[in-house]
Protein backbone atom coordinates (compact mmCIF):
# COMPACT_ATOMS: atom_id res chain seq x y z
CA MET A 1 16.01 40.10 -130.17
CA SER A 2 13.93 42.63 -128.25
CA THR A 3 14.45 46.28 -128.39
CA GLU A 4 15.26 48.29 -125.67
CA HIS A 5 11.79 49.98 -125.05
CA GLU A 6 9.47 47.06 -126.26
CA THR A 7 6.25 46.64 -124.69
CA ARG A 8 5.48 43.25 -123.21
CA ASP A 9 2.66 41.98 -121.11
CA VAL A 10 3.79 40.95 -117.85
CA HIS A 11 1.63 38.90 -115.72
CA PRO A 12 0.48 41.26 -113.03
CA ILE A 13 1.32 39.18 -110.11
CA VAL A 14 4.93 38.76 -111.67
CA ARG A 15 5.22 42.67 -111.93
CA GLN A 16 3.49 43.06 -108.31
CA ILE A 17 6.17 40.74 -106.58
CA ILE A 18 9.06 42.58 -108.59
CA ASP A 19 7.62 45.83 -107.85
CA ARG A 20 7.31 45.18 -104.21
CA ASP A 21 10.16 43.19 -103.38
CA CYS A 22 12.99 43.62 -105.66
CA HIS A 23 15.48 46.65 -105.49
CA VAL A 24 16.91 47.69 -108.95
CA SER A 25 20.31 46.88 -107.76
CA MET A 26 19.43 43.04 -107.54
CA THR A 27 20.91 40.89 -110.36
CA ASN A 28 18.47 39.20 -112.85
CA ARG A 29 19.00 35.85 -111.31
CA GLU A 30 18.23 37.07 -107.87
CA VAL A 31 14.88 38.53 -109.02
CA MET A 32 14.14 35.46 -111.05
CA ARG A 33 14.77 33.17 -107.81
CA HIS A 34 12.64 35.49 -105.78
CA VAL A 35 9.61 35.15 -108.12
CA ILE A 36 10.01 31.67 -108.42
CA SER A 37 10.26 31.36 -104.82
CA ARG A 38 6.76 32.97 -104.47
CA LEU A 39 4.98 30.59 -106.63
CA ARG A 40 2.67 28.25 -104.70
CA ASN A 41 5.15 25.31 -104.16
CA GLY A 42 8.22 27.40 -105.13
CA TYR A 43 10.91 25.76 -107.46
CA ARG A 44 8.62 22.52 -107.55
CA THR A 45 5.78 24.52 -109.32
CA PHE A 46 8.51 26.20 -111.67
CA ARG A 47 9.84 22.65 -112.72
CA GLU A 48 6.47 21.27 -113.44
CA MET A 49 5.66 24.14 -115.65
CA PRO A 50 6.10 23.24 -119.58
CA ARG A 51 9.56 24.72 -120.93
CA ALA A 52 7.84 27.38 -122.89
CA GLU A 53 5.98 28.82 -119.90
CA ARG A 54 9.12 28.84 -117.75
CA ARG A 55 10.87 30.52 -120.22
CA GLU A 56 8.01 33.05 -120.66
CA LEU A 57 8.09 33.63 -116.92
CA LEU A 58 11.76 34.29 -116.77
CA GLU A 59 11.50 36.78 -119.60
CA GLN A 60 8.78 38.55 -117.91
CA CYS A 61 10.94 38.82 -114.74
CA ARG A 62 13.95 40.03 -116.58
CA HIS A 63 11.61 42.43 -118.77
CA GLN A 64 9.91 43.90 -115.45
CA HIS A 65 13.27 44.21 -113.72
CA ARG A 66 14.97 46.29 -116.54
CA GLU A 67 11.96 48.55 -116.87
CA ASN A 68 11.95 49.24 -113.11
CA PHE A 69 15.85 50.06 -113.63
CA ARG A 70 15.19 52.38 -116.45
CA LEU A 71 12.62 54.19 -114.57
CA TYR A 72 15.06 54.33 -111.71
CA VAL A 73 17.61 55.82 -113.72
CA GLN A 74 15.25 58.41 -115.25
CA VAL A 75 13.96 59.51 -111.75
CA MET A 76 17.46 59.59 -110.39
CA SER A 77 18.92 61.74 -113.18
CA GLY A 78 16.38 64.26 -112.85
CA GLN A 79 14.57 63.53 -116.53
CA ILE A 80 11.25 62.57 -115.03
CA GLY A 81 11.05 65.47 -112.48
CA MET A 82 12.26 67.93 -114.95
CA ARG A 83 9.41 66.87 -117.43
CA THR A 84 7.09 67.38 -114.64
CA LEU A 85 8.00 70.88 -114.04
CA GLU A 86 8.21 71.96 -117.41
CA ASP A 87 4.89 70.61 -118.18
CA GLU A 88 3.62 72.68 -115.20
CA GLN A 89 4.88 75.93 -116.55
């Protein structure tokens, strides 16, 4: 079981696709489908990957999307903005 703030290596392309195209309100399923659709041959490429690699790709999608949501919550609640203001004083 993974911890909430576990550091995980997410492939840079997966990170870029999710950061650029996926809003935090999207479900994990929507995010995973979107990332798969951006593979060279889409779902066909995904199905041809070994099972372990498919699982890792989906886990990376889930992890990156969760981290983006966590960042969104911090920004919208003012936690990050307040920290920045306190550091400046």
